[in-house]
PDB file of N, CA and C in Angstrom:
ATOM      1  N   UNK A   1      -2.965  33.797   2.121  1.00  0.00           N
ATOM      2  CA  UNK A   1      -3.546  34.552   1.041  1.00  0.00           C
ATOM      3  C   UNK A   1      -4.342  35.722   1.606  1.00  0.00           C
ATOM      4  N   UNK A   2      -5.085  35.514   2.661  1.00  0.00           N
ATOM      5  CA  UNK A   2      -5.869  36.610   3.245  1.00  0.00           C
ATOM      6  C   UNK A   2      -4.958  37.635   3.886  1.00  0.00           C
ATOM      7  N   UNK A   3      -3.832  37.174   4.437  1.00  0.00           N
ATOM      8  CA  UNK A   3      -2.875  38.118   5.034  1.00  0.00           C
ATOM      9  C   UNK A   3      -2.285  39.032   3.973  1.00  0.00           C
ATOM     10  N   UNK A   4      -2.038  38.463   2.785  1.00  0.00           N
ATOM     11  CA  UNK A   4      -1.472  39.269   1.704  1.00  0.00           C
ATOM     12  C   UNK A   4      -2.477  40.334   1.253  1.00  0.00           C
ATOM     13  N   UNK A   5      -3.749  39.944   1.174  1.00  0.00           N
ATOM     14  CA  UNK A   5      -4.775  40.898   0.750  1.00  0.00           C
ATOM     15  C   UNK A   5      -4.946  42.014   1.778  1.00  0.00           C
ATOM     16  N   UNK A   6      -4.969  41.650   3.040  1.00  0.00           N
ATOM     17  CA  UNK A   6      -5.119  42.691   4.068  1.00  0.00           C
ATOM     18  C   UNK A   6      -3.893  43.589   4.114  1.00  0.00           C
ATOM     19  N   UNK A   7      -2.700  43.008   3.878  1.00  0.00           N
ATOM     20  CA  UNK A   7      -1.493  43.835   3.864  1.00  0.00           C
ATOM     21  C   UNK A   7      -1.534  44.808   2.690  1.00  0.00           C
ATOM     22  N   UNK A   8      -2.038  44.365   1.542  1.00  0.00           N
ATOM     23  CA  UNK A   8      -2.138  45.253   0.384  1.00  0.00           C
ATOM     24  C   UNK A   8      -3.202  46.329   0.615  1.00  0.00           C
ATOM     25  N   UNK A   9      -4.299  45.964   1.255  1.00  0.00           N
ATOM     26  CA  UNK A   9      -5.345  46.952   1.549  1.00  0.00           C
ATOM     27  C   UNK A   9      -4.837  47.990   2.549  1.00  0.00           C
ATOM     28  N   UNK A  10      -4.114  47.516   3.551  1.00  0.00           N
ATOM     29  CA  UNK A  10      -3.544  48.444   4.534  1.00  0.00           C
ATOM     30  C   UNK A  10      -2.510  49.353   3.882  1.00  0.00           C
ATOM     31  N   UNK A  11      -1.735  48.781   2.953  1.00  0.00           N
ATOM     32  CA  UNK A  11      -0.711  49.576   2.276  1.00  0.00           C
ATOM     33  C   UNK A  11      -1.347  50.656   1.408  1.00  0.00           C
ATOM     34  N   UNK A  12      -2.492  50.355   0.819  1.00  0.00           N
ATOM     35  CA  UNK A  12      -3.139  51.361  -0.027  1.00  0.00           C
ATOM     36  C   UNK A  12      -3.746  52.492   0.803  1.00  0.00           C
ATOM     37  N   UNK A  13      -4.076  52.252   2.043  1.00  0.00           N
ATOM     38  CA  UNK A  13      -4.677  53.276   2.903  1.00  0.00           C
ATOM     39  C   UNK A  13      -3.629  54.151   3.596  1.00  0.00           C
ATOM     40  N   UNK A  14      -2.384  53.728   3.607  1.00  0.00           N
ATOM     41  CA  UNK A  14      -1.340  54.485   4.296  1.00  0.00           C
ATOM     42  C   UNK A  14      -0.575  55.389   3.330  1.00  0.00           C
ATOM     43  N   UNK A  15       0.165  56.263   3.896  1.00  0.00           N
ATOM     44  CA  UNK A  15       0.997  57.164   3.092  1.00  0.00           C
ATOM     45  C   UNK A  15       2.202  56.396   2.562  1.00  0.00           C
ATOM     46  N   UNK A  16       2.861  56.950   1.546  1.00  0.00           N
ATOM     47  CA  UNK A  16       3.986  56.267   0.905  1.00  0.00           C
ATOM     48  C   UNK A  16       5.131  56.050   1.889  1.00  0.00           C
ATOM     49  N   UNK A  17       5.369  56.954   2.789  1.00  0.00           N
ATOM     50  CA  UNK A  17       6.462  56.809   3.754  1.00  0.00           C
ATOM     51  C   UNK A  17       6.205  55.728   4.776  1.00  0.00           C
ATOM     52  N   UNK A  18       4.968  55.349   4.989  1.00  0.00           N
ATOM     53  CA  UNK A  18       4.637  54.338   5.988  1.00  0.00           C
ATOM     54  C   UNK A  18       4.637  52.912   5.438  1.00  0.00           C
ATOM     55  N   UNK A  19       4.718  52.763   4.123  1.00  0.00           N
ATOM     56  CA  UNK A  19       4.632  51.438   3.493  1.00  0.00           C
ATOM     57  C   UNK A  19       6.003  50.783   3.507  1.00  0.00           C
ATOM     58  N   UNK A  20       6.040  49.531   3.917  1.00  0.00           N
ATOM     59  CA  UNK A  20       7.267  48.748   3.929  1.00  0.00           C
ATOM     60  C   UNK A  20       7.436  48.085   2.564  1.00  0.00           C
ATOM     61  N   UNK A  21       8.680  47.901   2.136  1.00  0.00           N
ATOM     62  CA  UNK A  21       8.922  47.335   0.809  1.00  0.00           C
ATOM     63  C   UNK A  21       8.493  45.869   0.740  1.00  0.00           C
ATOM     64  N   UNK A  22       8.522  45.165   1.867  1.00  0.00           N
ATOM     65  CA  UNK A  22       8.127  43.758   1.852  1.00  0.00           C
ATOM     66  C   UNK A  22       6.632  43.581   1.603  1.00  0.00           C
ATOM     67  N   UNK A  23       5.851  44.575   1.950  1.00  0.00           N
ATOM     68  CA  UNK A  23       4.411  44.480   1.737  1.00  0.00           C
ATOM     69  C   UNK A  23       4.055  44.591   0.254  1.00  0.00           C
ATOM     70  N   UNK A  24       4.907  45.205  -0.522  1.00  0.00           N
ATOM     71  CA  UNK A  24       4.619  45.400  -1.932  1.00  0.00           C
ATOM     72  C   UNK A  24       5.163  44.288  -2.833  1.00  0.00           C
ATOM     73  N   UNK A  25       5.996  43.395  -2.258  1.00  0.00           N
ATOM     74  CA  UNK A  25       6.585  42.332  -3.068  1.00  0.00           C
ATOM     75  C   UNK A  25       5.517  41.306  -3.423  1.00  0.00           C
ATOM     76  N   UNK A  26       5.575  40.782  -4.641  1.00  0.00           N
ATOM     77  CA  UNK A  26       4.588  39.751  -5.019  1.00  0.00           C
ATOM     78  C   UNK A  26       4.862  38.443  -4.278  1.00  0.00           C
ATOM     79  N   UNK A  27       3.876  37.566  -4.286  1.00  0.00           N
ATOM     80  CA  UNK A  27       4.018  36.281  -3.600  1.00  0.00           C
ATOM     81  C   UNK A  27       5.064  35.410  -4.287  1.00  0.00           C
ATOM     82  N   UNK A  28       5.160  35.501  -5.612  1.00  0.00           N
ATOM     83  CA  UNK A  28       6.147  34.734  -6.361  1.00  0.00           C
ATOM     84  C   UNK A  28       7.133  35.713  -6.983  1.00  0.00           C
ATOM     85  N   UNK A  29       8.398  35.470  -6.696  1.00  0.00           N
ATOM     86  CA  UNK A  29       9.433  36.396  -7.126  1.00  0.00           C
ATOM     87  C   UNK A  29       9.853  36.125  -8.561  1.00  0.00           C
ATOM     88  N   UNK A  30      10.477  37.109  -9.155  1.00  0.00           N
ATOM     89  CA  UNK A  30      10.947  37.009 -10.528  1.00  0.00           C
ATOM     90  C   UNK A  30      12.043  35.957 -10.611  1.00  0.00           C
ATOM     91  N   UNK A  31      11.979  35.169 -11.656  1.00  0.00           N
ATOM     92  CA  UNK A  31      13.001  34.170 -11.897  1.00  0.00           C
ATOM     93  C   UNK A  31      13.519  34.356 -13.311  1.00  0.00           C
ATOM     94  N   UNK A  32      14.810  34.112 -13.522  1.00  0.00           N
ATOM     95  CA  UNK A  32      15.400  34.327 -14.843  1.00  0.00           C
ATOM     96  C   UNK A  32      14.864  33.364 -15.889  1.00  0.00           C
ATOM     97  N   UNK A  33      14.524  32.149 -15.466  1.00  0.00           N
ATOM     98  CA  UNK A  33      14.022  31.155 -16.403  1.00  0.00           C
ATOM     99  C   UNK A  33      12.530  31.396 -16.637  1.00  0.00           C
ATOM    100  N   UNK A  34      12.120  31.694 -17.884  1.00  0.00           N
ATOM    101  CA  UNK A  34      10.692  31.967 -18.113  1.00  0.00           C
ATOM    102  C   UNK A  34       9.811  30.726 -17.940  1.00  0.00           C
ATOM    103  N   UNK A  35      10.404  29.533 -17.994  1.00  0.00           N
ATOM    104  CA  UNK A  35       9.620  28.314 -17.812  1.00  0.00           C
ATOM    105  C   UNK A  35       9.352  28.035 -16.333  1.00  0.00           C
ATOM    106  N   UNK A  36      10.070  28.732 -15.438  1.00  0.00           N
ATOM    107  CA  UNK A  36       9.887  28.509 -13.997  1.00  0.00           C
ATOM    108  C   UNK A  36       8.663  29.284 -13.534  1.00  0.00           C
ATOM    109  N   UNK A  37       7.576  28.549 -13.331  1.00  0.00           N
ATOM    110  CA  UNK A  37       6.342  29.164 -12.838  1.00  0.00           C
ATOM    111  C   UNK A  37       5.748  28.250 -11.778  1.00  0.00           C
ATOM    112  N   UNK A  38       6.091  28.423 -10.533  1.00  0.00           N
ATOM    113  CA  UNK A  38       5.590  27.509  -9.497  1.00  0.00           C
ATOM    114  C   UNK A  38       4.091  27.627  -9.270  1.00  0.00           C
ATOM    115  N   UNK A  39       3.479  28.713  -9.678  1.00  0.00           N
ATOM    116  CA  UNK A  39       2.052  28.891  -9.447  1.00  0.00           C
ATOM    117  C   UNK A  39       1.197  28.234 -10.519  1.00  0.00           C
ATOM    118  N   UNK A  40       1.819  27.824 -11.630  1.00  0.00           N
ATOM    119  CA  UNK A  40       1.078  27.173 -12.702  1.00  0.00           C
ATOM    120  C   UNK A  40       0.904  25.702 -12.336  1.00  0.00           C
ATOM    121  N   UNK A  41      -0.335  25.236 -12.343  1.00  0.00           N
ATOM    122  CA  UNK A  41      -0.627  23.847 -12.021  1.00  0.00           C
ATOM    123  C   UNK A  41      -0.693  23.070 -13.329  1.00  0.00           C
ATOM    124  N   UNK A  42      -0.038  21.925 -13.347  1.00  0.00           N
ATOM    125  CA  UNK A  42      -0.027  21.109 -14.555  1.00  0.00           C
ATOM    126  C   UNK A  42      -1.439  20.602 -14.833  1.00  0.00           C
ATOM    127  N   UNK A  43      -1.873  20.724 -16.074  1.00  0.00           N
ATOM    128  CA  UNK A  43      -3.229  20.303 -16.435  1.00  0.00           C
ATOM    129  C   UNK A  43      -3.265  18.837 -16.857  1.00  0.00           C
ATOM    130  N   UNK A  44      -2.170  18.303 -17.352  1.00  0.00           N
ATOM    131  CA  UNK A  44      -2.134  16.914 -17.797  1.00  0.00           C
ATOM    132  C   UNK A  44      -1.960  15.996 -16.591  1.00  0.00           C
ATOM    133  N   UNK A  45      -2.543  14.805 -16.655  1.00  0.00           N
ATOM    134  CA  UNK A  45      -2.352  13.875 -15.532  1.00  0.00           C
ATOM    135  C   UNK A  45      -0.906  13.412 -15.448  1.00  0.00           C
ATOM    136  N   UNK A  46      -0.458  13.218 -14.222  1.00  0.00           N
ATOM    137  CA  UNK A  46       0.924  12.812 -13.989  1.00  0.00           C
ATOM    138  C   UNK A  46       1.080  11.323 -14.293  1.00  0.00           C
ATOM    139  N   UNK A  47       2.133  10.954 -15.005  1.00  0.00           N
ATOM    140  CA  UNK A  47       2.400   9.556 -15.306  1.00  0.00           C
ATOM    141  C   UNK A  47       2.913   8.872 -14.041  1.00  0.00           C
ATOM    142  N   UNK A  48       2.332   7.710 -13.684  1.00  0.00           N
ATOM    143  CA  UNK A  48       2.781   7.048 -12.450  1.00  0.00           C
ATOM    144  C   UNK A  48       4.199   6.496 -12.599  1.00  0.00           C
ATOM    145  N   UNK A  49       4.908   6.522 -11.506  1.00  0.00           N
ATOM    146  CA  UNK A  49       6.257   5.965 -11.490  1.00  0.00           C
ATOM    147  C   UNK A  49       6.158   4.441 -11.473  1.00  0.00           C
ATOM    148  N   UNK A  50       7.237   3.740 -11.792  1.00  0.00           N
ATOM    149  CA  UNK A  50       7.193   2.266 -11.731  1.00  0.00           C
ATOM    150  C   UNK A  50       6.836   1.751 -10.338  1.00  0.00           C
ATOM    151  N   UNK A  51       7.296   2.438  -9.307  1.00  0.00           N
ATOM    152  CA  UNK A  51       6.964   2.030  -7.943  1.00  0.00           C
ATOM    153  C   UNK A  51       5.470   2.162  -7.686  1.00  0.00           C
ATOM    154  N   UNK A  52       4.855   3.238  -8.166  1.00  0.00           N
ATOM    155  CA  UNK A  52       3.414   3.417  -8.002  1.00  0.00           C
ATOM    156  C   UNK A  52       2.623   2.385  -8.803  1.00  0.00           C
ATOM    157  N   UNK A  53       3.141   1.992  -9.964  1.00  0.00           N
ATOM    158  CA  UNK A  53       2.479   0.949 -10.751  1.00  0.00           C
ATOM    159  C   UNK A  53       2.512  -0.385 -10.021  1.00  0.00           C
ATOM    160  N   UNK A  54       3.643  -0.696  -9.382  1.00  0.00           N
ATOM    161  CA  UNK A  54       3.754  -1.944  -8.624  1.00  0.00           C
ATOM    162  C   UNK A  54       2.801  -1.913  -7.432  1.00  0.00           C
ATOM    163  N   UNK A  55       2.706  -0.778  -6.737  1.00  0.00           N
ATOM    164  CA  UNK A  55       1.781  -0.666  -5.616  1.00  0.00           C
ATOM    165  C   UNK A  55       0.333  -0.839  -6.059  1.00  0.00           C
ATOM    166  N   UNK A  56      -0.018  -0.290  -7.207  1.00  0.00           N
ATOM    167  CA  UNK A  56      -1.382  -0.447  -7.720  1.00  0.00           C
ATOM    168  C   UNK A  56      -1.657  -1.905  -8.074  1.00  0.00           C
ATOM    169  N   UNK A  57      -0.675  -2.576  -8.660  1.00  0.00           N
ATOM    170  CA  UNK A  57      -0.831  -3.984  -9.007  1.00  0.00           C
ATOM    171  C   UNK A  57      -1.012  -4.824  -7.745  1.00  0.00           C
ATOM    172  N   UNK A  58      -0.221  -4.545  -6.720  1.00  0.00           N
ATOM    173  CA  UNK A  58      -0.346  -5.289  -5.463  1.00  0.00           C
ATOM    174  C   UNK A  58      -1.692  -5.007  -4.792  1.00  0.00           C
ATOM    175  N   UNK A  59      -2.157  -3.788  -4.846  1.00  0.00           N
ATOM    176  CA  UNK A  59      -3.443  -3.453  -4.228  1.00  0.00           C
ATOM    177  C   UNK A  59      -4.588  -4.161  -4.942  1.00  0.00           C
ATOM    178  N   UNK A  60      -4.464  -4.327  -6.258  1.00  0.00           N
ATOM    179  CA  UNK A  60      -5.502  -5.006  -7.024  1.00  0.00           C
ATOM    180  C   UNK A  60      -5.597  -6.479  -6.662  1.00  0.00           C
ATOM    181  N   UNK A  61      -4.468  -7.131  -6.398  1.00  0.00           N
ATOM    182  CA  UNK A  61      -4.437  -8.569  -6.150  1.00  0.00           C
ATOM    183  C   UNK A  61      -4.263  -8.921  -4.679  1.00  0.00           C
ATOM    184  N   UNK A  62      -4.473  -7.980  -3.794  1.00  0.00           N
ATOM    185  CA  UNK A  62      -4.269  -8.224  -2.364  1.00  0.00           C
ATOM    186  C   UNK A  62      -5.260  -9.246  -1.821  1.00  0.00           C
ATOM    187  N   UNK A  63      -6.524  -9.186  -2.233  1.00  0.00           N
ATOM    188  CA  UNK A  63      -7.505 -10.126  -1.688  1.00  0.00           C
ATOM    189  C   UNK A  63      -7.201 -11.562  -2.111  1.00  0.00           C
ATOM    190  N   UNK A  64      -6.665 -11.771  -3.312  1.00  0.00           N
ATOM    191  CA  UNK A  64      -6.265 -13.109  -3.728  1.00  0.00           C
ATOM    192  C   UNK A  64      -5.090 -13.621  -2.900  1.00  0.00           C
ATOM    193  N   UNK A  65      -4.169 -12.752  -2.587  1.00  0.00           N
ATOM    194  CA  UNK A  65      -3.020 -13.152  -1.771  1.00  0.00           C
ATOM    195  C   UNK A  65      -3.462 -13.525  -0.358  1.00  0.00           C
ATOM    196  N   UNK A  66      -4.419 -12.813   0.190  1.00  0.00           N
ATOM    197  CA  UNK A  66      -4.913 -13.122   1.535  1.00  0.00           C
ATOM    198  C   UNK A  66      -5.617 -14.470   1.544  1.00  0.00           C
ATOM    199  N   UNK A  67      -6.446 -14.740   0.539  1.00  0.00           N
ATOM    200  CA  UNK A  67      -7.142 -16.030   0.459  1.00  0.00           C
ATOM    201  C   UNK A  67      -6.139 -17.170   0.300  1.00  0.00           C
ATOM    202  N   UNK A  68      -5.154 -16.991  -0.557  1.00  0.00           N
ATOM    203  CA  UNK A  68      -4.145 -18.030  -0.767  1.00  0.00           C
ATOM    204  C   UNK A  68      -3.345 -18.289   0.503  1.00  0.00           C
ATOM    205  N   UNK A  69      -3.019 -17.242   1.254  1.00  0.00           N
ATOM    206  CA  UNK A  69      -2.255 -17.442   2.484  1.00  0.00           C
ATOM    207  C   UNK A  69      -3.090 -18.168   3.535  1.00  0.00           C
ATOM    208  N   UNK A  70      -4.406 -17.910   3.576  1.00  0.00           N
ATOM    209  CA  UNK A  70      -5.269 -18.632   4.522  1.00  0.00           C
ATOM    210  C   UNK A  70      -5.352 -20.113   4.165  1.00  0.00           C
ATOM    211  N   UNK A  71      -5.459 -20.429   2.884  1.00  0.00           N
ATOM    212  CA  UNK A  71      -5.515 -21.828   2.448  1.00  0.00           C
ATOM    213  C   UNK A  71      -4.214 -22.544   2.783  1.00  0.00           C
ATOM    214  N   UNK A  72      -3.090 -21.913   2.533  1.00  0.00           N
ATOM    215  CA  UNK A  72      -1.792 -22.518   2.840  1.00  0.00           C
ATOM    216  C   UNK A  72      -1.628 -22.700   4.348  1.00  0.00           C
ATOM    217  N   UNK A  73      -2.130 -21.762   5.127  1.00  0.00           N
ATOM    218  CA  UNK A  73      -2.042 -21.876   6.582  1.00  0.00           C
ATOM    219  C   UNK A  73      -2.847 -23.086   7.075  1.00  0.00           C
ATOM    220  N   UNK A  74      -4.065 -23.274   6.571  1.00  0.00           N
ATOM    221  CA  UNK A  74      -4.887 -24.427   6.969  1.00  0.00           C
ATOM    222  C   UNK A  74      -4.204 -25.729   6.551  1.00  0.00           C
ATOM    223  N   UNK A  75      -3.650 -25.766   5.356  1.00  0.00           N
ATOM    224  CA  UNK A  75      -2.945 -26.967   4.892  1.00  0.00           C
ATOM    225  C   UNK A  75      -1.739 -27.280   5.782  1.00  0.00           C
ATOM    226  N   UNK A  76      -0.997 -26.270   6.190  1.00  0.00           N
ATOM    227  CA  UNK A  76       0.162 -26.502   7.054  1.00  0.00           C
ATOM    228  C   UNK A  76      -0.271 -26.965   8.446  1.00  0.00           C
ATOM    229  N   UNK A  77      -1.404 -26.491   8.954  1.00  0.00           N
ATOM    230  CA  UNK A  77      -1.906 -26.959  10.244  1.00  0.00           C
ATOM    231  C   UNK A  77      -2.291 -28.434  10.153  1.00  0.00           C
ATOM    232  N   UNK A  78      -2.903 -28.848   9.037  1.00  0.00           N
ATOM    233  CA  UNK A  78      -3.263 -30.254   8.849  1.00  0.00           C
ATOM    234  C   UNK A  78      -2.016 -31.130   8.832  1.00  0.00           C
ATOM    235  N   UNK A  79      -0.992 -30.700   8.138  1.00  0.00           N
ATOM    236  CA  UNK A  79       0.264 -31.464   8.104  1.00  0.00           C
ATOM    237  C   UNK A  79       0.898 -31.513   9.487  1.00  0.00           C
ATOM    238  N   UNK A  80       0.879 -30.423  10.202  1.00  0.00           N
ATOM    239  CA  UNK A  80       1.441 -30.386  11.553  1.00  0.00           C
ATOM    240  C   UNK A  80       0.678 -31.318  12.490  1.00  0.00           C
ATOM    241  N   UNK A  81      -0.645 -31.330  12.407  1.00  0.00           N
ATOM    242  CA  UNK A  81      -1.440 -32.244  13.234  1.00  0.00           C
ATOM    243  C   UNK A  81      -1.159 -33.694  12.880  1.00  0.00           C
ATOM    244  N   UNK A  82      -0.962 -33.983  11.613  1.00  0.00           N
ATOM    245  CA  UNK A  82      -0.641 -35.342  11.194  1.00  0.00           C
ATOM    246  C   UNK A  82       0.684 -35.804  11.794  1.00  0.00           C
ATOM    247  N   UNK A  83       1.634 -34.926  11.895  1.00  0.00           N
ATOM    248  CA  UNK A  83       2.925 -35.299  12.473  1.00  0.00           C
ATOM    249  C   UNK A  83       2.881 -35.351  14.001  1.00  0.00           C
ATOM    250  N   UNK A  84       2.062 -34.531  14.629  1.00  0.00           N
ATOM    251  CA  UNK A  84       2.048 -34.429  16.094  1.00  0.00           C
ATOM    252  C   UNK A  84       1.166 -35.485  16.762  1.00  0.00           C
ATOM    253  N   UNK A  85       0.052 -35.852  16.157  1.00  0.00           N
ATOM    254  CA  UNK A  85      -0.860 -36.808  16.788  1.00  0.00           C
ATOM    255  C   UNK A  85      -0.229 -38.194  16.819  1.00  0.00           C
ATOM    256  N   UNK A  86      -0.536 -38.961  17.881  1.00  0.00           N
ATOM    257  CA  UNK A  86       0.075 -40.301  17.969  1.00  0.00           C
ATOM    258  C   UNK A  86      -0.496 -41.232  16.900  1.00  0.00           C
ATOM    259  N   UNK A  87       0.358 -42.131  16.483  1.00  0.00           N
ATOM    260  CA  UNK A  87      -0.051 -43.094  15.460  1.00  0.00           C
ATOM    261  C   UNK A  87      -0.727 -44.274  16.161  1.00  0.00           C
ATOM    262  N   UNK A  88      -1.829 -44.712  15.625  1.00  0.00           N
ATOM    263  CA  UNK A  88      -2.546 -45.852  16.203  1.00  0.00           C
ATOM    264  C   UNK A  88      -1.917 -47.142  15.683  1.00  0.00           C
ATOM    265  N   UNK A  89      -1.358 -47.938  16.594  1.00  0.00           N
ATOM    266  CA  UNK A  89      -0.743 -49.200  16.207  1.00  0.00           C
ATOM    267  C   UNK A  89      -1.765 -50.312  16.378  1.00  0.00           C
ATOM    268  N   UNK A  90      -1.920 -51.116  15.385  1.00  0.00           N
ATOM    269  CA  UNK A  90      -2.842 -52.244  15.418  1.00  0.00           C
ATOM    270  C   UNK A  90      -2.015 -53.519  15.395  1.00  0.00           C
ATOM    271  N   UNK A  91      -2.080 -54.275  16.514  1.00  0.00           N
ATOM    272  CA  UNK A  91      -1.397 -55.567  16.570  1.00  0.00           C
ATOM    273  C   UNK A  91      -2.373 -56.652  16.126  1.00  0.00           C
ATOM    274  N   UNK A  92      -1.931 -57.461  15.221  1.00  0.00           N
ATOM    275  CA  UNK A  92      -2.755 -58.534  14.696  1.00  0.00           C
ATOM    276  C   UNK A  92      -2.049 -59.856  14.973  1.00  0.00           C
ATOM    277  N   UNK A  93      -2.757 -60.726  15.661  1.00  0.00           N
ATOM    278  CA  UNK A  93      -2.188 -62.030  15.987  1.00  0.00           C
ATOM    279  C   UNK A  93      -2.850 -63.063  15.086  1.00  0.00           C
ATOM    280  N   UNK A  94      -2.052 -63.766  14.325  1.00  0.00           N
ATOM    281  CA  UNK A  94      -2.558 -64.784  13.405  1.00  0.00           C
ATOM    282  C   UNK A  94      -2.605 -66.115  14.156  1.00  0.00           C
ATOM    283  N   UNK A  95      -3.803 -66.652  14.309  1.00  0.00           N
ATOM    284  CA  UNK A  95      -3.974 -67.916  15.031  1.00  0.00           C
ATOM    285  C   UNK A  95      -3.841 -69.092  14.068  1.00  0.00           C
ATOM    286  N   UNK A  96      -4.380 -68.962  12.927  1.00  0.00           N
ATOM    287  CA  UNK A  96      -4.278 -70.024  11.924  1.00  0.00           C
ATOM    288  C   UNK A  96      -4.850 -69.538  10.611  1.00  0.00           C
ATOM    289  N   UNK A  97      -4.571 -70.273   9.585  1.00  0.00           N
ATOM    290  CA  UNK A  97      -5.092 -69.884   8.285  1.00  0.00           C
ATOM    291  C   UNK A  97      -5.351 -71.149   7.478  1.00  0.00           C
ATOM    292  N   UNK A  98      -6.217 -71.032   6.528  1.00  0.00           N
ATOM    293  CA  UNK A  98      -6.578 -72.161   5.675  1.00  0.00           C
ATOM    294  C   UNK A  98      -5.748 -72.087   4.397  1.00  0.00           C
ATOM    295  N   UNK A  99      -5.196 -73.273   4.045  1.00  0.00           N
ATOM    296  CA  UNK A  99      -4.382 -73.309   2.849  1.00  0.00           C
ATOM    297  C   UNK A  99      -5.188 -73.674   1.612  1.00  0.00           C
ATOM    298  N   UNK A 100      -6.357 -74.211   1.817  1.00  0.00           N
ATOM    299  CA  UNK A 100      -7.170 -74.599   0.658  1.00  0.00           C
ATOM    300  C   UNK A 100      -8.584 -74.099   0.839  1.00  0.00           C
ATOM    301  N   UNK A 101      -9.340 -74.191  -0.228  1.00  0.00           N
ATOM    302  CA  UNK A 101     -10.734 -73.723  -0.181  1.00  0.00           C
ATOM    303  C   UNK A 101     -11.612 -74.673   0.629  1.00  0.00           C
ATOM    304  N   UNK A 102     -11.230 -75.933   0.778  1.00  0.00           N
ATOM    305  CA  UNK A 102     -12.030 -76.899   1.519  1.00  0.00           C
ATOM    306  C   UNK A 102     -11.852 -76.759   3.029  1.00  0.00           C
ATOM    307  N   UNK A 103     -10.897 -76.021   3.492  1.00  0.00           N
ATOM    308  CA  UNK A 103     -10.686 -75.804   4.906  1.00  0.00           C
ATOM    309  C   UNK A 103      -9.676 -76.738   5.520  1.00  0.00           C
ATOM    310  N   UNK A 104      -8.920 -77.477   4.737  1.00  0.00           N
ATOM    311  CA  UNK A 104      -7.888 -78.375   5.258  1.00  0.00           C
ATOM    312  C   UNK A 104      -6.625 -77.664   5.549  1.00  0.00           C
TER     313      UNK A 104
END
């Protein structure tokens, strides 16, 4: 933008024979379609695409997903330890037992 201004200022100080035609051209060229105006900025907010809506939804619920994954990870470690640790076998030898309340 500053280059364009300095080029226009320089062009105004020089004689007509010294001015190049490219220095006088506007920044945005004429277009046949009157609706084509690249310099006009849209004033209304842009509607989000479905992909952007999904990303916003995921960003909103990301902390819940992280907490849930940590809980599932701890639960899976507990199950893995239960399968990996040796089982304690208790041998019980029965010497005798009473068949009645009197001890006979």
